[in-house]
PDB file of N, CA and C in Angstrom:
ATOM      1  N   MET A   1      99.618 -28.743  82.753  1.00  0.00           N
ATOM      2  CA  MET A   1      98.364 -29.449  82.875  1.00  0.00           C
ATOM      3  C   MET A   1      97.343 -28.852  81.906  1.00  0.00           C
ATOM      4  N   ALA A   2      96.552 -29.718  81.324  1.00  0.00           N
ATOM      5  CA  ALA A   2      95.522 -29.290  80.383  1.00  0.00           C
ATOM      6  C   ALA A   2      94.291 -28.787  81.139  1.00  0.00           C
ATOM      7  N   LYS A   3      93.611 -27.844  80.524  1.00  0.00           N
ATOM      8  CA  LYS A   3      92.377 -27.342  81.126  1.00  0.00           C
ATOM      9  C   LYS A   3      91.271 -28.371  80.973  1.00  0.00           C
ATOM     10  N   LYS A   4      90.312 -28.352  81.915  1.00  0.00           N
ATOM     11  CA  LYS A   4      89.166 -29.249  81.832  1.00  0.00           C
ATOM     12  C   LYS A   4      88.238 -28.788  80.712  1.00  0.00           C
ATOM     13  N   ALA A   5      87.644 -29.735  80.022  1.00  0.00           N
ATOM     14  CA  ALA A   5      86.686 -29.410  78.968  1.00  0.00           C
ATOM     15  C   ALA A   5      85.383 -28.915  79.598  1.00  0.00           C
ATOM     16  N   LYS A   6      84.725 -27.993  78.911  1.00  0.00           N
ATOM     17  CA  LYS A   6      83.434 -27.511  79.415  1.00  0.00           C
ATOM     18  C   LYS A   6      82.393 -28.603  79.228  1.00  0.00           C
ATOM     19  N   SER A   7      81.462 -28.668  80.142  1.00  0.00           N
ATOM     20  CA  SER A   7      80.427 -29.696  80.061  1.00  0.00           C
ATOM     21  C   SER A   7      79.453 -29.370  78.926  1.00  0.00           C
ATOM     22  N   LYS A   8      78.765 -30.396  78.454  1.00  0.00           N
ATOM     23  CA  LYS A   8      77.831 -30.249  77.346  1.00  0.00           C
ATOM     24  C   LYS A   8      76.502 -29.654  77.809  1.00  0.00           C
ATOM     25  N   TYR A   9      76.125 -29.899  79.063  1.00  0.00           N
ATOM     26  CA  TYR A   9      74.840 -29.463  79.601  1.00  0.00           C
ATOM     27  C   TYR A   9      75.037 -28.515  80.774  1.00  0.00           C
ATOM     28  N   ILE A  10      74.028 -27.655  81.012  1.00  0.00           N
ATOM     29  CA  ILE A  10      74.007 -26.815  82.204  1.00  0.00           C
ATOM     30  C   ILE A  10      72.631 -26.940  82.862  1.00  0.00           C
ATOM     31  N   LEU A  11      72.593 -26.720  84.160  1.00  0.00           N
ATOM     32  CA  LEU A  11      71.355 -26.749  84.930  1.00  0.00           C
ATOM     33  C   LEU A  11      70.901 -25.305  85.122  1.00  0.00           C
ATOM     34  N   VAL A  12      69.651 -25.001  84.746  1.00  0.00           N
ATOM     35  CA  VAL A  12      69.139 -23.630  84.840  1.00  0.00           C
ATOM     36  C   VAL A  12      67.837 -23.605  85.631  1.00  0.00           C
ATOM     37  N   ARG A  13      67.531 -22.451  86.215  1.00  0.00           N
ATOM     38  CA  ARG A  13      66.297 -22.269  86.991  1.00  0.00           C
ATOM     39  C   ARG A  13      65.252 -21.604  86.099  1.00  0.00           C
ATOM     40  N   MET A  14      64.063 -22.213  86.052  1.00  0.00           N
ATOM     41  CA  MET A  14      62.935 -21.670  85.301  1.00  0.00           C
ATOM     42  C   MET A  14      61.972 -21.025  86.299  1.00  0.00           C
ATOM     43  N   VAL A  15      61.560 -19.774  86.045  1.00  0.00           N
ATOM     44  CA  VAL A  15      60.702 -19.021  86.966  1.00  0.00           C
ATOM     45  C   VAL A  15      59.416 -18.614  86.248  1.00  0.00           C
ATOM     46  N   SER A  16      58.300 -18.715  86.961  1.00  0.00           N
ATOM     47  CA  SER A  16      56.980 -18.400  86.415  1.00  0.00           C
ATOM     48  C   SER A  16      56.855 -16.913  86.111  1.00  0.00           C
ATOM     49  N   GLU A  17      56.267 -16.608  84.962  1.00  0.00           N
ATOM     50  CA  GLU A  17      56.014 -15.219  84.584  1.00  0.00           C
ATOM     51  C   GLU A  17      54.720 -14.695  85.205  1.00  0.00           C
ATOM     52  N   ALA A  18      53.976 -15.562  85.896  1.00  0.00           N
ATOM     53  CA  ALA A  18      52.739 -15.134  86.555  1.00  0.00           C
ATOM     54  C   ALA A  18      53.030 -14.369  87.845  1.00  0.00           C
ATOM     55  N   GLY A  19      54.284 -14.369  88.294  1.00  0.00           N
ATOM     56  CA  GLY A  19      54.644 -13.634  89.495  1.00  0.00           C
ATOM     57  C   GLY A  19      54.363 -14.376  90.784  1.00  0.00           C
ATOM     58  N   THR A  20      54.149 -15.687  90.715  1.00  0.00           N
ATOM     59  CA  THR A  20      53.838 -16.462  91.914  1.00  0.00           C
ATOM     60  C   THR A  20      55.084 -16.944  92.640  1.00  0.00           C
ATOM     61  N   GLY A  21      56.240 -16.870  91.990  1.00  0.00           N
ATOM     62  CA  GLY A  21      57.467 -17.361  92.607  1.00  0.00           C
ATOM     63  C   GLY A  21      57.690 -18.845  92.387  1.00  0.00           C
ATOM     64  N   CYS A  22      56.806 -19.490  91.656  1.00  0.00           N
ATOM     65  CA  CYS A  22      56.949 -20.918  91.352  1.00  0.00           C
ATOM     66  C   CYS A  22      58.150 -21.099  90.424  1.00  0.00           C
ATOM     67  N   SER A  23      59.006 -22.078  90.729  1.00  0.00           N
ATOM     68  CA  SER A  23      60.180 -22.311  89.892  1.00  0.00           C
ATOM     69  C   SER A  23      60.570 -23.776  89.931  1.00  0.00           C
ATOM     70  N   PHE A  24      61.361 -24.180  88.945  1.00  0.00           N
ATOM     71  CA  PHE A  24      61.911 -25.528  88.896  1.00  0.00           C
ATOM     72  C   PHE A  24      63.207 -25.486  88.106  1.00  0.00           C
ATOM     73  N   ASN A  25      63.986 -26.549  88.221  1.00  0.00           N
ATOM     74  CA  ASN A  25      65.266 -26.635  87.537  1.00  0.00           C
ATOM     75  C   ASN A  25      65.142 -27.566  86.345  1.00  0.00           C
ATOM     76  N   VAL A  26      65.880 -27.250  85.286  1.00  0.00           N
ATOM     77  CA  VAL A  26      65.860 -28.078  84.083  1.00  0.00           C
ATOM     78  C   VAL A  26      67.263 -28.094  83.472  1.00  0.00           C
ATOM     79  N   LYS A  27      67.605 -29.204  82.835  1.00  0.00           N
ATOM     80  CA  LYS A  27      68.904 -29.354  82.184  1.00  0.00           C
ATOM     81  C   LYS A  27      68.751 -29.000  80.710  1.00  0.00           C
ATOM     82  N   ARG A  28      69.688 -28.171  80.170  1.00  0.00           N
ATOM     83  CA  ARG A  28      69.653 -27.827  78.753  1.00  0.00           C
ATOM     84  C   ARG A  28      71.062 -27.833  78.179  1.00  0.00           C
ATOM     85  N   LEU A  29      71.158 -27.886  76.857  1.00  0.00           N
ATOM     86  CA  LEU A  29      72.455 -27.837  76.193  1.00  0.00           C
ATOM     87  C   LEU A  29      73.098 -26.472  76.416  1.00  0.00           C
ATOM     88  N   ARG A  30      74.405 -26.448  76.565  1.00  0.00           N
ATOM     89  CA  ARG A  30      75.134 -25.201  76.810  1.00  0.00           C
ATOM     90  C   ARG A  30      74.986 -24.217  75.651  1.00  0.00           C
ATOM     91  N   LEU A  31      74.996 -24.715  74.409  1.00  0.00           N
ATOM     92  CA  LEU A  31      74.969 -23.839  73.237  1.00  0.00           C
ATOM     93  C   LEU A  31      73.555 -23.474  72.791  1.00  0.00           C
ATOM     94  N   GLN A  32      72.553 -24.010  73.438  1.00  0.00           N
ATOM     95  CA  GLN A  32      71.157 -23.745  73.106  1.00  0.00           C
ATOM     96  C   GLN A  32      70.762 -22.338  73.558  1.00  0.00           C
ATOM     97  N   ASP A  33      69.750 -21.761  72.889  1.00  0.00           N
ATOM     98  CA  ASP A  33      69.217 -20.456  73.306  1.00  0.00           C
ATOM     99  C   ASP A  33      68.552 -20.582  74.672  1.00  0.00           C
ATOM    100  N   LYS A  34      68.306 -19.428  75.311  1.00  0.00           N
ATOM    101  CA  LYS A  34      67.636 -19.448  76.619  1.00  0.00           C
ATOM    102  C   LYS A  34      66.248 -20.057  76.477  1.00  0.00           C
ATOM    103  N   LEU A  35      65.848 -20.833  77.487  1.00  0.00           N
ATOM    104  CA  LEU A  35      64.585 -21.556  77.432  1.00  0.00           C
ATOM    105  C   LEU A  35      63.396 -20.676  77.810  1.00  0.00           C
ATOM    106  N   VAL A  36      62.300 -20.882  77.094  1.00  0.00           N
ATOM    107  CA  VAL A  36      60.995 -20.306  77.412  1.00  0.00           C
ATOM    108  C   VAL A  36      59.997 -21.421  77.152  1.00  0.00           C
ATOM    109  N   MET A  37      59.184 -21.784  78.145  1.00  0.00           N
ATOM    110  CA  MET A  37      58.255 -22.901  77.960  1.00  0.00           C
ATOM    111  C   MET A  37      56.974 -22.711  78.755  1.00  0.00           C
ATOM    112  N   LEU A  38      55.938 -23.405  78.307  1.00  0.00           N
ATOM    113  CA  LEU A  38      54.680 -23.462  79.043  1.00  0.00           C
ATOM    114  C   LEU A  38      54.746 -24.643  79.991  1.00  0.00           C
ATOM    115  N   SER A  39      54.397 -24.420  81.233  1.00  0.00           N
ATOM    116  CA  SER A  39      54.368 -25.492  82.217  1.00  0.00           C
ATOM    117  C   SER A  39      53.314 -25.157  83.268  1.00  0.00           C
ATOM    118  N   TYR A  40      52.987 -26.145  84.080  1.00  0.00           N
ATOM    119  CA  TYR A  40      51.930 -25.996  85.080  1.00  0.00           C
ATOM    120  C   TYR A  40      52.453 -25.250  86.304  1.00  0.00           C
ATOM    121  N   ASP A  41      51.765 -24.188  86.683  1.00  0.00           N
ATOM    122  CA  ASP A  41      52.077 -23.430  87.894  1.00  0.00           C
ATOM    123  C   ASP A  41      51.106 -23.877  88.982  1.00  0.00           C
ATOM    124  N   ARG A  42      51.624 -24.508  90.029  1.00  0.00           N
ATOM    125  CA  ARG A  42      50.757 -25.101  91.056  1.00  0.00           C
ATOM    126  C   ARG A  42      50.052 -24.064  91.920  1.00  0.00           C
ATOM    127  N   PHE A  43      50.500 -22.820  91.908  1.00  0.00           N
ATOM    128  CA  PHE A  43      49.859 -21.794  92.729  1.00  0.00           C
ATOM    129  C   PHE A  43      48.610 -21.216  92.061  1.00  0.00           C
ATOM    130  N   VAL A  44      48.649 -21.012  90.751  1.00  0.00           N
ATOM    131  CA  VAL A  44      47.468 -20.501  90.045  1.00  0.00           C
ATOM    132  C   VAL A  44      46.681 -21.627  89.379  1.00  0.00           C
ATOM    133  N   LYS A  45      47.190 -22.850  89.467  1.00  0.00           N
ATOM    134  CA  LYS A  45      46.534 -24.065  88.965  1.00  0.00           C
ATOM    135  C   LYS A  45      46.188 -23.981  87.485  1.00  0.00           C
ATOM    136  N   GLN A  46      47.154 -23.495  86.690  1.00  0.00           N
ATOM    137  CA  GLN A  46      47.001 -23.485  85.240  1.00  0.00           C
ATOM    138  C   GLN A  46      48.373 -23.406  84.584  1.00  0.00           C
ATOM    139  N   LYS A  47      48.403 -23.627  83.273  1.00  0.00           N
ATOM    140  CA  LYS A  47      49.662 -23.548  82.550  1.00  0.00           C
ATOM    141  C   LYS A  47      50.013 -22.084  82.311  1.00  0.00           C
ATOM    142  N   VAL A  48      51.254 -21.720  82.616  1.00  0.00           N
ATOM    143  CA  VAL A  48      51.731 -20.353  82.402  1.00  0.00           C
ATOM    144  C   VAL A  48      53.113 -20.411  81.758  1.00  0.00           C
ATOM    145  N   LEU A  49      53.600 -19.266  81.334  1.00  0.00           N
ATOM    146  CA  LEU A  49      54.902 -19.160  80.703  1.00  0.00           C
ATOM    147  C   LEU A  49      56.000 -19.161  81.763  1.00  0.00           C
ATOM    148  N   PHE A  50      57.040 -19.957  81.550  1.00  0.00           N
ATOM    149  CA  PHE A  50      58.211 -19.987  82.414  1.00  0.00           C
ATOM    150  C   PHE A  50      59.414 -19.548  81.598  1.00  0.00           C
ATOM    151  N   LYS A  51      60.253 -18.679  82.171  1.00  0.00           N
ATOM    152  CA  LYS A  51      61.460 -18.209  81.492  1.00  0.00           C
ATOM    153  C   LYS A  51      62.684 -18.576  82.312  1.00  0.00           C
ATOM    154  N   GLU A  52      63.786 -18.780  81.607  1.00  0.00           N
ATOM    155  CA  GLU A  52      65.052 -19.106  82.265  1.00  0.00           C
ATOM    156  C   GLU A  52      65.542 -17.883  83.029  1.00  0.00           C
ATOM    157  N   GLN A  53      65.877 -18.082  84.307  1.00  0.00           N
ATOM    158  CA  GLN A  53      66.337 -16.962  85.120  1.00  0.00           C
ATOM    159  C   GLN A  53      67.851 -16.934  85.224  1.00  0.00           C
ATOM    160  N   LYS A  54      68.464 -18.059  85.640  1.00  0.00           N
ATOM    161  CA  LYS A  54      69.912 -18.058  85.804  1.00  0.00           C
ATOM    162  C   LYS A  54      70.471 -19.468  85.711  1.00  0.00           C
ATOM    163  N   LYS A  55      71.764 -19.528  85.446  1.00  0.00           N
ATOM    164  CA  LYS A  55      72.475 -20.801  85.417  1.00  0.00           C
ATOM    165  C   LYS A  55      72.784 -21.212  86.851  1.00  0.00           C
ATOM    166  N   ILE A  56      72.561 -22.488  87.168  1.00  0.00           N
ATOM    167  CA  ILE A  56      72.843 -22.988  88.508  1.00  0.00           C
ATOM    168  C   ILE A  56      74.223 -23.632  88.550  1.00  0.00           C
ATOM    169  N   CYS A  57      74.476 -24.575  87.635  1.00  0.00           N
ATOM    170  CA  CYS A  57      75.782 -25.234  87.588  1.00  0.00           C
ATOM    171  C   CYS A  57      75.936 -25.982  86.277  1.00  0.00           C
ATOM    172  N   SER A  58      77.138 -26.467  86.020  1.00  0.00           N
ATOM    173  CA  SER A  58      77.408 -27.323  84.869  1.00  0.00           C
ATOM    174  C   SER A  58      77.125 -28.759  85.259  1.00  0.00           C
ATOM    175  N   VAL A  59      76.603 -29.518  84.315  1.00  0.00           N
ATOM    176  CA  VAL A  59      76.260 -30.911  84.606  1.00  0.00           C
ATOM    177  C   VAL A  59      77.102 -31.817  83.731  1.00  0.00           C
TER     178      VAL A  59
END
């Protein structure tokens, strides 16, 4: 039997660098570098830096 092909995308968890514990999930390409983005943190009510914490699953 042939092995299954790896998926093109993965689901990752983005966590706020403000230390509030705010997080969300985002889909990215498997071969892409780790994500770092500005997004709205609902606890401090402003845009803060979010960094990729861990892979959740393949999509």
